[in-house]
Amino acid sequence: MEATATILHADLDAFCASVEQLLDPSLRGKPIAVGGGVVLAASYEARAFGIRGGMPGRRARELCPQLIFVGGHFEDYQRLGDAAVKVLNDFTPLVERISIDEAFADVAGCTHLFGSPAEIARAIRRRVRAELGLPISIGVARTKHLAKIASQVAKPDGLVIVNPDTELDFLHALPVELMWGVGPVSRARLAEIGVRTIGELATTPGWSLERLLGPAASDKLAALAWNSDPRPVKTHRRARSAGAQSALGRKPAEERVFVPALRHLADRVASRLRAKSRPGRTVTVRVRFADLRAVTRSITLDAPVSATAILAEIAEELVRSVLAHHPDEKTISLLAISVSHLEKYPDVQLEFPFGLEGEERRPGTKRGMARWMADHAVDMIRDRFGWEAVGYGSVALALSRSVPDAFRELAEKDL
């Protein structure tokens, strides 16, 4: 029944670090990290010392004194990531890219041309190695979730094919943290009730999971633990949200630190919303502390926003709320902003000044329009002369800089 397992998940191994070793052969076989103050990505040689993405650079050097830091070649990451996806497209049009270095592919309709899913996966791996010089791991399974787990098991530089006849035996023996959606906090909570494998999760009563994780997360994880995942591979996905994050290392939980960082993040996120004419109503911030515990806060607005200054101010208030409710936390390691509930809303509705609370943050008010016009002018200059040609003084003069957008997911990737 192997032919019924037709979904591939392809994941370039230690992608950014592998690219750096490709560009500079003298780095091959050595522990390297992309970044500086914060580790954005680490080679497998560095991971052997316990170095992970998001780790402060100082801690990484303590674990591995011979660690080599490199600055990163973002254009090469994009170029090679695009090239790997093109290899997938040569076999099937049903390719769903989910990050710079990974994608799903459904090969059900092309086995008569290229052979079985296993043969296609082997051909993809050979081509990526021969044409790009990069290692890639692939999982093949009947569902997207199981294919992604299989690619993780295949690492580094391997191939795992999950036969539908034995998929639950394969899945239930694995650690629960391999599941999509189980992070460090959820893993710790599950461990408290003795759930360490996916099989143990599958047999845990629903009420127990709901009390621990909440109804939405518990229902989703329970279904995935039994490999119930009907999601198809989608070639065109409309973004439901836009976000960016900044890995700070270990910085004091003070306004002089988080305000400039949030303004930079708001600038990145809001400019992308405006480029797509898709403002959003829900603003969410995430604050991660020194112990890697993360807290989120969100607010849903009456009117959708895409103005940089408005988004920054809202994010600042949310972060202040987080810190007020966690007065014992003195160190921040990561900040993130996302905007969801996006709308296709290219026109701005003018509003009368009724003196209502929060009017200055509504796009259609006098101040909101002034902010929109300033953003529009900045966008036009950047479109013509590049991102660095103009910016907001509070951001440009700040010391805190965000992790590049291409690293939003890689900053915490730990596979």
Protein backbone atom coordinates (compact mmCIF):
# COMPACT_ATOMS: atom_id res chain seq x y z
CA MET A 1 0.00 0.00 0.00
CA GLU A 2 3.01 2.28 -0.25
CA ALA A 3 1.50 4.04 -3.27
CA THR A 4 -1.25 5.52 -1.09
CA ALA A 5 1.37 7.46 0.86
CA THR A 6 1.76 10.26 -1.67
CA ILE A 7 2.46 13.39 0.38
CA LEU A 8 6.10 14.46 0.66
CA HIS A 9 7.55 16.90 3.17
CA ALA A 10 10.95 18.14 2.05
CA ASP A 11 13.15 20.03 4.51
CA LEU A 12 16.63 21.36 3.76
CA ASP A 13 18.90 20.29 6.63
CA ALA A 14 20.37 23.01 8.89
CA PHE A 15 19.64 25.19 5.91
CA CYS A 16 21.39 28.49 6.57
CA ALA A 17 24.42 26.85 8.15
CA SER A 18 24.62 24.37 5.26
CA VAL A 19 24.53 27.26 2.78
CA GLU A 20 27.39 28.97 4.61
CA GLN A 21 29.44 25.77 4.45
CA LEU A 22 28.62 25.51 0.74
CA LEU A 23 29.76 29.09 0.07
CA ASP A 24 32.92 28.66 2.14
CA PRO A 25 34.24 25.09 1.95
CA SER A 26 36.72 25.80 4.76
CA LEU A 27 33.74 25.79 7.14
CA ARG A 28 32.69 22.25 6.27
CA GLY A 29 32.83 19.84 9.18
CA LYS A 30 33.22 22.69 11.67
CA PRO A 31 30.77 24.01 14.26
CA ILE A 32 29.34 27.23 12.85
CA ALA A 33 26.48 29.53 13.79
CA VAL A 34 24.76 32.21 11.76
CA GLY A 35 24.27 35.39 13.77
CA GLY A 36 26.27 37.09 16.48
CA GLY A 37 24.52 38.31 19.61
CA VAL A 38 21.93 35.62 19.00
CA VAL A 39 22.27 32.27 17.21
CA LEU A 40 19.90 32.35 14.23
CA ALA A 41 20.92 28.94 12.88
CA ALA A 42 23.50 26.31 13.78
CA SER A 43 25.26 23.55 11.86
CA TYR A 44 24.90 19.95 12.98
CA GLU A 45 28.50 20.09 14.22
CA ALA A 46 27.46 22.99 16.50
CA ARG A 47 24.24 21.28 17.58
CA ALA A 48 26.31 18.39 18.89
CA PHE A 49 27.46 20.84 21.60
CA GLY A 50 23.87 21.76 22.50
CA ILE A 51 23.74 24.96 20.45
CA ARG A 52 20.29 25.86 19.16
CA GLY A 53 18.59 28.68 17.30
CA GLY A 54 17.54 31.56 19.55
CA MET A 55 20.38 30.92 22.01
CA PRO A 56 22.41 33.95 23.14
CA GLY A 57 25.78 34.12 21.41
CA ARG A 58 27.64 34.27 24.72
CA ARG A 59 26.04 31.02 25.89
CA ALA A 60 26.83 29.36 22.57
CA ARG A 61 30.51 30.28 22.89
CA GLU A 62 30.56 28.87 26.42
CA LEU A 63 29.23 25.54 25.13
CA CYS A 64 31.62 25.49 22.18
CA PRO A 65 34.67 27.78 22.42
CA GLN A 66 35.71 26.86 18.85
CA LEU A 67 32.34 27.95 17.43
CA ILE A 68 32.63 30.06 14.28
CA PHE A 69 30.07 32.85 13.82
CA VAL A 70 29.18 34.02 10.32
CA GLY A 71 27.05 37.01 9.40
CA GLY A 72 24.68 35.33 6.95
CA HIS A 73 24.02 35.63 3.21
CA PHE A 74 20.28 36.18 3.02
CA GLU A 75 20.11 36.56 -0.77
CA ASP A 76 21.79 33.18 -1.16
CA TYR A 77 19.34 31.61 1.27
CA GLN A 78 16.44 32.89 -0.79
CA ARG A 79 18.06 31.87 -4.09
CA LEU A 80 18.85 28.33 -2.99
CA GLY A 81 15.54 27.88 -1.19
CA ASP A 82 13.73 28.92 -4.38
CA ALA A 83 15.88 26.53 -6.41
CA ALA A 84 14.99 23.60 -4.15
CA VAL A 85 11.29 24.34 -4.52
CA LYS A 86 11.78 24.46 -8.30
CA VAL A 87 13.10 20.90 -8.17
CA LEU A 88 9.87 19.83 -6.47
CA ASN A 89 7.86 21.68 -9.13
CA ASP A 90 9.62 19.67 -11.82
CA PHE A 91 7.86 16.57 -10.47
CA THR A 92 4.43 17.93 -9.48
CA PRO A 93 2.51 21.21 -9.66
CA LEU A 94 1.02 20.50 -6.22
CA VAL A 95 3.70 22.14 -4.07
CA GLU A 96 2.93 24.10 -0.91
CA ARG A 97 5.86 26.07 0.41
CA ILE A 98 5.60 26.75 4.13
CA SER A 99 8.94 28.46 4.81
CA ILE A 100 12.18 29.41 3.14
CA ASP A 101 13.56 25.88 3.48
CA GLU A 102 10.62 23.45 3.52
CA ALA A 103 7.60 22.49 1.45
CA PHE A 104 4.93 19.86 0.98
CA ALA A 105 4.32 18.13 -2.35
CA ASP A 106 1.53 15.79 -3.43
CA VAL A 107 2.78 13.34 -6.07
CA ALA A 108 -0.38 11.24 -6.44
CA GLY A 109 -0.96 12.43 -9.99
CA CYS A 110 2.54 11.98 -11.37
CA THR A 111 3.56 8.45 -10.37
CA HIS A 112 2.85 7.24 -13.91
CA LEU A 113 5.54 9.64 -15.11
CA PHE A 114 8.22 9.43 -12.45
CA GLY A 115 7.63 6.21 -10.53
CA SER A 116 6.47 5.55 -6.98
CA PRO A 117 6.47 8.28 -4.28
CA ALA A 118 9.60 6.67 -2.82
CA GLU A 119 11.36 6.82 -6.19
CA ILE A 120 10.31 10.44 -6.66
CA ALA A 121 11.62 11.34 -3.20
CA ARG A 122 14.96 9.69 -3.95
CA ALA A 123 15.19 11.54 -7.27
CA ILE A 124 14.50 14.87 -5.56
CA ARG A 125 17.18 14.23 -2.97
CA ARG A 126 19.73 13.30 -5.65
CA ARG A 127 18.97 16.41 -7.70
CA VAL A 128 19.11 18.82 -4.75
CA ARG A 129 22.47 17.35 -3.71
CA ALA A 130 23.88 17.33 -7.27
CA GLU A 131 22.52 20.68 -8.49
CA LEU A 132 22.58 22.75 -5.29
CA GLY A 133 25.13 20.96 -3.15
CA LEU A 134 22.77 20.86 -0.17
CA PRO A 135 21.45 18.02 2.03
CA ILE A 136 17.69 17.57 2.17
CA SER A 137 15.53 15.24 4.25
CA ILE A 138 12.18 13.97 3.00
CA GLY A 139 9.29 12.25 4.72
CA VAL A 140 6.63 10.41 2.71
CA ALA A 141 3.27 9.61 4.28
CA ARG A 142 -0.48 9.57 3.78
CA THR A 143 -1.05 12.92 5.61
CA LYS A 144 0.76 16.24 5.85
CA HIS A 145 1.33 15.98 9.59
CA LEU A 146 2.82 12.51 9.39
CA ALA A 147 4.98 13.46 6.39
CA LYS A 148 6.43 16.37 8.36
CA ILE A 149 7.16 14.14 11.34
CA ALA A 150 8.77 11.57 9.02
CA SER A 151 11.12 14.20 7.59
CA GLN A 152 12.20 15.10 11.12
CA VAL A 153 12.92 11.45 11.87
CA ALA A 154 14.86 11.27 8.58
CA LYS A 155 17.29 14.00 9.61
CA PRO A 156 20.04 14.53 8.87
CA ASP A 157 20.06 14.03 5.10
CA GLY A 158 17.73 11.05 5.01
CA LEU A 159 14.47 9.61 3.71
CA VAL A 160 11.67 8.00 5.72
CA ILE A 161 8.63 6.42 4.06
CA VAL A 162 5.69 5.61 6.33
CA ASN A 163 3.58 2.71 5.09
CA PRO A 164 -0.14 3.23 5.83
CA ASP A 165 -0.31 -0.30 7.26
CA THR A 166 2.10 0.59 10.05
CA GLU A 167 1.66 4.36 10.39
CA LEU A 168 0.18 4.30 13.92
CA ASP A 169 2.94 1.98 15.16
CA PHE A 170 5.48 4.42 13.71
CA LEU A 171 3.72 7.53 15.02
CA HIS A 172 2.86 6.37 18.54
CA ALA A 173 6.43 5.40 19.41
CA LEU A 174 7.76 8.93 18.80
CA PRO A 175 8.25 11.71 21.38
CA VAL A 176 5.32 14.09 21.66
CA GLU A 177 7.43 17.17 20.88
CA LEU A 178 7.71 16.06 17.25
CA MET A 179 4.04 16.94 16.76
CA TRP A 180 3.16 20.12 14.96
CA GLY A 181 2.00 22.54 17.66
CA VAL A 182 3.75 21.03 20.68
CA GLY A 183 6.34 23.52 21.88
CA PRO A 184 8.43 23.60 25.05
CA VAL A 185 5.53 24.83 27.22
CA SER A 186 3.04 22.21 25.98
CA ARG A 187 5.69 19.50 26.22
CA ALA A 188 6.38 20.40 29.85
CA ARG A 189 2.68 20.41 30.71
CA LEU A 190 2.16 17.03 29.08
CA ALA A 191 5.19 15.60 30.89
CA GLU A 192 3.59 16.60 34.20
CA ILE A 193 0.80 14.09 33.56
CA GLY A 194 3.17 11.42 32.26
CA VAL A 195 2.60 12.01 28.54
CA ARG A 196 5.91 11.79 26.71
CA THR A 197 5.09 9.89 23.52
CA ILE A 198 2.47 10.47 20.84
CA GLY A 199 0.95 7.11 21.73
CA GLU A 200 0.49 8.19 25.34
CA LEU A 201 -1.14 11.38 24.11
CA ALA A 202 -3.48 9.37 21.87
CA THR A 203 -4.79 7.37 24.84
CA THR A 204 -5.10 10.31 27.25
CA PRO A 205 -8.76 11.19 28.04
CA GLY A 206 -10.01 14.25 26.23
CA TRP A 207 -11.12 16.01 29.40
CA SER A 208 -7.61 15.71 30.81
CA LEU A 209 -6.02 17.23 27.70
CA GLU A 210 -8.64 20.00 27.56
CA ARG A 211 -7.96 20.99 31.16
CA LEU A 212 -4.24 21.08 30.42
CA LEU A 213 -4.10 22.69 26.97
CA GLY A 214 -7.53 24.18 26.34
CA PRO A 215 -10.33 22.84 24.10
CA ALA A 216 -8.99 23.94 20.70
CA ALA A 217 -5.43 22.67 21.15
CA SER A 218 -6.51 19.44 22.86
CA ASP A 219 -8.96 18.52 20.08
CA LYS A 220 -6.39 19.26 17.38
CA LEU A 221 -3.59 17.28 19.02
CA ALA A 222 -5.86 14.34 19.82
CA ALA A 223 -6.83 14.09 16.15
CA LEU A 224 -3.24 14.37 14.94
CA ALA A 225 -2.15 11.70 17.43
CA TRP A 226 -4.41 9.28 15.52
CA ASN A 227 -3.11 10.64 12.19
CA SER A 228 -6.42 12.30 11.42
CA ASP A 229 -5.33 15.16 9.18
CA PRO A 230 -7.55 15.84 6.14
CA ARG A 231 -5.67 18.96 4.99
CA PRO A 232 -4.75 18.84 1.30
CA VAL A 233 -1.59 20.28 -0.22
CA LYS A 234 -2.53 23.83 -1.25
CA THR A 235 -0.52 25.50 -3.99
CA HIS A 236 -1.82 29.01 -3.26
CA ARG A 237 -2.33 30.02 0.33
CA ARG A 238 -3.69 33.45 1.18
CA ALA A 239 -1.90 34.73 4.24
CA ARG A 240 -4.10 34.84 7.31
CA SER A 241 -1.63 36.92 9.25
CA ALA A 242 1.61 38.84 8.97
CA GLY A 243 4.29 38.84 11.63
CA ALA A 244 7.92 39.31 12.53
CA GLN A 245 10.04 38.53 15.55
CA SER A 246 13.26 39.73 17.10
CA ALA A 247 15.55 37.42 19.07
CA LEU A 248 17.21 39.70 21.60
CA GLY A 249 19.51 37.34 23.46
CA ARG A 250 19.16 38.34 27.11
CA LYS A 251 18.11 41.98 27.50
CA PRO A 252 16.58 43.88 30.44
CA ALA A 253 12.79 44.03 30.39
CA GLU A 254 12.86 47.82 30.10
CA GLU A 255 11.26 50.32 27.72
CA ARG A 256 14.62 51.43 26.36
CA VAL A 257 14.99 47.86 25.08
CA PHE A 258 11.52 46.78 23.98
CA VAL A 259 10.19 50.05 22.51
CA PRO A 260 12.83 50.37 19.72
CA ALA A 261 12.58 46.64 18.99
CA LEU A 262 8.80 46.80 18.69
CA ARG A 263 8.94 49.85 16.44
CA HIS A 264 11.29 48.06 14.09
CA LEU A 265 9.03 45.01 14.04
CA ALA A 266 5.96 47.18 13.48
CA ASP A 267 7.70 48.85 10.54
CA ARG A 268 8.40 45.47 8.92
CA VAL A 269 4.92 44.06 9.51
CA ALA A 270 2.93 47.17 8.62
CA SER A 271 4.85 47.73 5.36
CA ARG A 272 3.96 44.19 4.26
CA LEU A 273 0.29 44.74 5.13
CA ARG A 274 0.23 47.94 3.09
CA ALA A 275 1.98 46.29 0.14
CA LYS A 276 -0.85 43.76 -0.05
CA SER A 277 -3.60 46.28 0.84
CA ARG A 278 -4.59 43.98 3.69
CA PRO A 279 -4.86 45.74 7.06
CA GLY A 280 -5.81 43.63 10.06
CA ARG A 281 -8.01 43.92 13.13
CA THR A 282 -6.22 41.69 15.65
CA VAL A 283 -2.78 42.61 16.97
CA THR A 284 -0.85 40.02 18.96
CA VAL A 285 2.47 40.31 20.75
CA ARG A 286 4.60 37.53 22.17
CA VAL A 287 7.20 38.05 24.88
CA ARG A 288 9.66 35.30 25.65
CA PHE A 289 11.57 35.48 28.90
CA ALA A 290 15.02 34.19 29.83
CA ASP A 291 13.72 30.72 30.76
CA LEU A 292 12.16 30.42 27.25
CA ARG A 293 8.65 30.69 28.70
CA ALA A 294 6.51 32.82 26.38
CA VAL A 295 3.42 34.93 27.07
CA THR A 296 1.09 36.37 24.43
CA ARG A 297 -1.37 39.25 24.52
CA SER A 298 -3.76 40.36 21.78
CA ILE A 299 -6.42 42.94 21.07
CA THR A 300 -9.07 43.08 18.36
CA LEU A 301 -9.78 46.56 17.02
CA ASP A 302 -12.93 48.13 15.61
CA ALA A 303 -11.09 49.22 12.45
CA PRO A 304 -8.32 47.35 10.61
CA VAL A 305 -4.86 48.93 10.82
CA SER A 306 -1.72 48.92 8.71
CA ALA A 307 -0.03 52.13 9.90
CA THR A 308 3.43 51.64 11.37
CA ALA A 309 3.02 54.13 14.24
CA ILE A 310 -0.41 52.83 15.24
CA LEU A 311 0.76 49.22 15.21
CA ALA A 312 3.85 50.12 17.24
CA GLU A 313 1.84 51.95 19.90
CA ILE A 314 -0.63 49.08 20.28
CA ALA A 315 2.21 46.56 20.55
CA GLU A 316 3.95 48.66 23.19
CA GLU A 317 0.79 48.75 25.32
CA LEU A 318 0.38 44.99 25.03
CA VAL A 319 3.98 44.36 26.09
CA ARG A 320 3.57 46.72 29.05
CA SER A 321 0.54 44.67 30.04
CA VAL A 322 2.54 41.46 29.87
CA LEU A 323 5.33 42.86 32.03
CA ALA A 324 2.85 44.33 34.53
CA HIS A 325 1.35 40.88 35.04
CA HIS A 326 4.80 39.26 35.36
CA PRO A 327 6.71 41.68 37.63
CA ASP A 328 9.29 39.05 38.59
CA GLU A 329 10.50 38.67 34.99
CA LYS A 330 13.48 40.96 34.48
CA THR A 331 14.89 39.63 31.20
CA ILE A 332 13.45 39.39 27.68
CA SER A 333 14.91 37.02 25.07
CA LEU A 334 12.44 37.49 22.19
CA LEU A 335 9.68 39.81 21.00
CA ALA A 336 7.17 39.19 18.23
CA ILE A 337 4.30 41.07 16.61
CA SER A 338 1.63 39.59 14.37
CA VAL A 339 -1.51 41.02 12.78
CA SER A 340 -4.40 38.72 11.89
CA HIS A 341 -8.02 38.91 10.74
CA LEU A 342 -6.76 40.58 7.59
CA GLU A 343 -9.18 42.39 5.31
CA LYS A 344 -9.12 43.37 1.67
CA TYR A 345 -9.64 47.03 2.38
CA PRO A 346 -7.75 49.35 0.01
CA ASP A 347 -9.81 52.49 0.79
CA VAL A 348 -9.81 54.46 4.03
CA GLN A 349 -13.19 55.52 5.46
CA LEU A 350 -13.03 59.13 6.71
CA GLU A 351 -14.42 59.65 10.22
CA PHE A 352 -15.78 62.62 12.12
CA PRO A 353 -14.02 63.62 15.37
CA PHE A 354 -16.54 62.47 17.97
CA GLY A 355 -14.00 62.48 20.80
CA LEU A 356 -14.21 58.73 21.31
CA GLU A 357 -11.47 56.80 23.10
CA GLY A 358 -8.70 55.63 20.79
CA GLU A 359 -9.69 57.89 17.89
CA GLU A 360 -6.07 58.78 17.18
CA ARG A 361 -5.50 55.14 16.23
CA ARG A 362 -8.37 54.89 13.78
CA PRO A 363 -7.19 55.13 10.16
CA GLY A 364 -9.99 57.47 9.07
CA THR A 365 -9.40 60.23 11.64
CA LYS A 366 -7.32 63.32 10.93
CA ARG A 367 -4.30 61.91 12.76
CA GLY A 368 -4.84 58.45 11.28
CA MET A 369 -4.88 59.91 7.77
CA ALA A 370 -1.70 61.86 8.46
CA ARG A 371 0.01 58.68 9.56
CA TRP A 372 -1.28 56.82 6.49
CA MET A 373 0.10 59.54 4.19
CA ALA A 374 3.50 59.43 5.91
CA ASP A 375 3.62 55.64 5.55
CA HIS A 376 2.58 55.91 1.90
CA ALA A 377 5.43 58.34 1.21
CA VAL A 378 7.94 56.05 2.93
CA ASP A 379 6.67 53.06 0.95
CA MET A 380 7.04 54.91 -2.36
CA ILE A 381 10.63 55.90 -1.60
CA ARG A 382 11.54 52.38 -0.50
CA ASP A 383 9.95 50.88 -3.61
CA ARG A 384 12.16 53.05 -5.77
CA PHE A 385 15.41 53.28 -3.83
CA GLY A 386 15.39 50.28 -1.47
CA TRP A 387 14.40 49.60 2.12
CA GLU A 388 17.34 51.41 3.70
CA ALA A 389 16.74 54.62 1.74
CA VAL A 390 14.33 56.04 4.32
CA GLY A 391 12.87 55.09 7.66
CA TYR A 392 11.54 56.30 10.96
CA GLY A 393 14.06 58.06 13.18
CA SER A 394 13.05 56.15 16.30
CA VAL A 395 13.85 52.93 14.47
CA ALA A 396 16.93 53.99 12.52
CA LEU A 397 18.62 55.41 15.60
CA ALA A 398 17.82 52.44 17.82
CA LEU A 399 20.44 49.88 18.71
CA SER A 400 18.00 46.97 18.72
CA ARG A 401 17.54 45.29 15.35
CA SER A 402 15.11 42.62 14.31
CA VAL A 403 15.94 39.20 13.00
CA PRO A 404 15.44 39.40 9.21
CA ASP A 405 12.01 38.31 7.99
CA ALA A 406 13.52 35.26 6.27
CA PHE A 407 14.55 34.07 9.75
CA ARG A 408 11.19 34.52 11.47
CA GLU A 409 10.73 30.78 11.77
CA LEU A 410 14.37 29.75 11.67
CA ALA A 411 15.16 31.71 14.84
CA GLU A 412 13.48 29.02 16.90
CA LYS A 413 13.80 26.06 14.57
CA ASP A 414 15.26 23.14 16.45
CA LEU A 415 15.11 20.20 14.05
